[in-house]
Structures are given as C-alpha cells and as structure tokens.
Amino acid sequence: MDEANNQHKSELIRVCVDAIVDMGAGQILLINRKHAPEGWALPGGFVEAGENAEEAVIREVREETGLDVEIVKQFHTYTNPNRDPRGPSISVVFLTKGYGEPAKTTDETAGAELFHQMNLPENLAFDHRQILSDYFLERY
C-alpha cells in the first residue's frame, strides 16, 4: 500500500448533513459559498458534538440561509471518500420544505438563490451535482 493510501486511511471521517430545500414550484435553494471550496452548494455542514443529524441540518440551513425548514424525509447517504476536497466525509442528505425568503448574505454565504433543475449553476461544489441528479431523477 502506498503512502497516500496510508495517510487517507488514517484521516478521521467527518459526518455532514446537506439539505435539498424545496421552495415550491419545482425550485430548490442553493447557497453561494464564501469559503473554499467555492461554488454553489446545498445548504449543509458538519454535525457538531451533542446534536443528531436532524438537528444539524435544521441548524445549518438556518445559519446559511436564515430559513426555517421542515424535514420531509432522509433522502440518501453519500459516502464517496473524495466527495469533499478538504478530506473524507459522509453526508446524510435530507429533503426539506423551506419557508420564507432566504437571507441575501450570511457569515458563510455570498447569497442564496432559487434554481430549477433546468438552470442549475455550472460550478456546483462537492458531489452536489450527483446528489441533485439523483433527486431530480428520483433515484432514491
């Protein structure tokens, strides 16, 4: 086994959550990330000590968009070790229903916008193009 594989295996795997926020009329909410990796992304982030995945996704959406969401269901779990360039992570993705108007900017985002599957931005971060493809094609 080469050194790169040994290093990769010794890294801790972080647990993340991501939200597909349904805003109605076939539109979902994406955030424009301020920090690397930059690009458009589903609202989400790392699960913190002392919280479960459901609490984490509600907190992350609120922090990144200012919106309250209702969890509809858990969608799928994504485990590709290369899904995040910052290191290995597992993301639990939730389908949520969003209410209200998203904040224009937050400490973590340079904005949030509504998108339809036919006008998704080119520069999607992480593995979010795959997640959205699975969602729109109803794979799970």
Protein backbone atom coordinates (compact mmCIF):
# COMPACT_ATOMS: atom_id res chain seq x y z
CA MET A 1 0.00 0.00 0.00
CA ASP A 2 1.46 3.38 -0.93
CA GLU A 3 1.95 6.35 1.44
CA ALA A 4 -1.04 8.32 0.05
CA ASN A 5 -3.39 5.43 0.77
CA ASN A 6 -1.98 5.01 4.29
CA GLN A 7 -2.47 8.72 5.01
CA HIS A 8 -6.02 8.66 3.60
CA LYS A 9 -6.95 5.68 5.78
CA SER A 10 -5.65 7.38 8.94
CA GLU A 11 -7.78 10.52 8.49
CA LEU A 12 -10.94 10.86 10.50
CA ILE A 13 -14.14 10.75 8.51
CA ARG A 14 -16.42 13.71 9.25
CA VAL A 15 -20.20 13.36 9.27
CA CYS A 16 -22.03 16.06 7.31
CA VAL A 17 -25.60 16.91 6.51
CA ASP A 18 -26.97 18.54 3.39
CA ALA A 19 -30.48 19.81 2.68
CA ILE A 20 -32.39 19.79 -0.55
CA VAL A 21 -34.65 22.72 0.27
CA ASP A 22 -37.87 22.58 -1.76
CA MET A 23 -39.21 26.11 -2.10
CA GLY A 24 -42.19 25.10 -4.25
CA ALA A 25 -42.88 25.36 -7.99
CA GLY A 26 -40.05 22.91 -8.72
CA GLN A 27 -37.42 25.22 -7.26
CA ILE A 28 -34.67 24.36 -4.80
CA LEU A 29 -32.44 26.66 -2.80
CA LEU A 30 -28.67 26.72 -3.28
CA ILE A 31 -26.08 28.80 -1.46
CA ASN A 32 -23.08 30.56 -2.97
CA ARG A 33 -20.17 29.58 -0.69
CA LYS A 34 -17.82 32.28 0.63
CA HIS A 35 -15.14 29.81 1.73
CA ALA A 36 -13.24 27.06 -0.06
CA PRO A 37 -14.30 25.03 -1.78
CA GLU A 38 -16.14 27.85 -3.50
CA GLY A 39 -19.16 27.43 -5.73
CA TRP A 40 -22.86 26.80 -5.38
CA ALA A 41 -23.92 24.15 -2.90
CA LEU A 42 -26.77 22.65 -1.00
CA PRO A 43 -27.05 24.22 2.45
CA GLY A 44 -25.29 22.00 4.94
CA GLY A 45 -22.24 21.33 7.02
CA PHE A 46 -20.69 19.24 9.74
CA VAL A 47 -22.66 17.59 12.53
CA GLU A 48 -21.47 19.04 15.83
CA ALA A 49 -20.89 17.13 19.06
CA GLY A 50 -24.11 16.71 21.00
CA GLU A 51 -26.52 17.00 18.08
CA ASN A 52 -28.14 14.47 15.81
CA ALA A 53 -28.29 14.73 12.02
CA GLU A 54 -31.80 16.18 12.02
CA GLU A 55 -30.84 18.95 14.44
CA ALA A 56 -27.68 19.64 12.43
CA VAL A 57 -29.47 20.06 9.10
CA ILE A 58 -32.05 22.45 10.58
CA ARG A 59 -29.24 24.47 12.24
CA GLU A 60 -27.08 24.56 9.09
CA VAL A 61 -29.94 25.72 6.85
CA ARG A 62 -30.82 28.46 9.32
CA GLU A 63 -27.17 29.60 9.64
CA GLU A 64 -26.56 29.64 5.89
CA THR A 65 -29.90 30.94 4.61
CA GLY A 66 -31.88 32.38 7.50
CA LEU A 67 -34.72 30.00 6.65
CA ASP A 68 -36.59 27.59 8.84
CA VAL A 69 -37.17 24.20 7.27
CA GLU A 70 -39.35 21.22 7.90
CA ILE A 71 -37.71 17.85 7.32
CA VAL A 72 -39.76 15.77 4.91
CA LYS A 73 -37.53 12.68 4.97
CA GLN A 74 -33.98 11.42 4.84
CA PHE A 75 -33.06 11.17 1.16
CA HIS A 76 -29.79 9.24 0.87
CA THR A 77 -26.32 8.95 2.41
CA TYR A 78 -23.29 9.77 0.24
CA THR A 79 -20.00 8.09 1.16
CA ASN A 80 -17.53 8.65 -1.68
CA PRO A 81 -14.24 9.35 0.16
CA ASN A 82 -13.39 12.00 -2.46
CA ARG A 83 -16.70 13.91 -2.21
CA ASP A 84 -15.07 16.79 -0.29
CA PRO A 85 -11.61 18.11 -1.24
CA ARG A 86 -10.98 19.05 2.42
CA GLY A 87 -10.98 15.39 3.47
CA PRO A 88 -13.16 12.30 3.70
CA SER A 89 -16.74 12.83 4.81
CA ILE A 90 -20.08 11.11 4.82
CA SER A 91 -23.12 13.23 4.07
CA VAL A 92 -26.66 12.43 5.18
CA VAL A 93 -28.94 14.31 2.78
CA PHE A 94 -32.42 15.38 3.82
CA LEU A 95 -35.39 16.52 1.75
CA THR A 96 -36.80 19.62 3.41
CA LYS A 97 -39.52 22.19 2.84
CA GLY A 98 -38.39 25.80 3.16
CA TYR A 99 -40.44 28.74 4.38
CA GLY A 100 -39.86 32.46 3.93
CA GLU A 101 -37.30 34.48 2.00
CA PRO A 102 -33.63 33.47 2.16
CA ALA A 103 -31.09 35.95 3.50
CA LYS A 104 -29.07 37.77 0.84
CA THR A 105 -25.78 37.00 2.59
CA THR A 106 -24.61 35.40 5.84
CA ASP A 107 -21.26 34.87 7.56
CA GLU A 108 -20.84 31.70 5.49
CA THR A 109 -22.50 32.55 2.19
CA ALA A 110 -22.34 35.14 -0.56
CA GLY A 111 -26.02 34.65 -1.23
CA ALA A 112 -28.73 32.11 -1.79
CA GLU A 113 -30.84 31.70 -4.91
CA LEU A 114 -33.62 29.50 -6.22
CA PHE A 115 -32.87 27.13 -9.08
CA HIS A 116 -34.87 24.74 -11.23
CA GLN A 117 -33.32 21.52 -12.50
CA MET A 118 -33.05 23.09 -15.95
CA ASN A 119 -30.97 26.08 -14.78
CA LEU A 120 -28.54 24.68 -12.20
CA PRO A 121 -25.26 26.61 -11.98
CA GLU A 122 -22.16 25.11 -13.60
CA ASN A 123 -19.91 25.49 -10.56
CA LEU A 124 -21.52 23.17 -8.03
CA ALA A 125 -19.30 22.27 -5.07
CA PHE A 126 -18.56 18.84 -3.63
CA ASP A 127 -20.66 16.00 -5.09
CA HIS A 128 -23.79 18.15 -5.17
CA ARG A 129 -24.35 17.72 -8.93
CA GLN A 130 -24.62 13.95 -8.31
CA ILE A 131 -26.96 14.48 -5.35
CA LEU A 132 -29.20 16.80 -7.37
CA SER A 133 -29.18 14.43 -10.33
CA ASP A 134 -30.30 11.61 -8.01
CA TYR A 135 -33.01 13.86 -6.59
CA PHE A 136 -34.40 15.09 -9.90
CA LEU A 137 -34.27 11.56 -11.40
CA GLU A 138 -35.92 10.19 -8.23
CA ARG A 139 -33.20 7.55 -7.75
CA TYR A 140 -33.89 7.16 -4.04
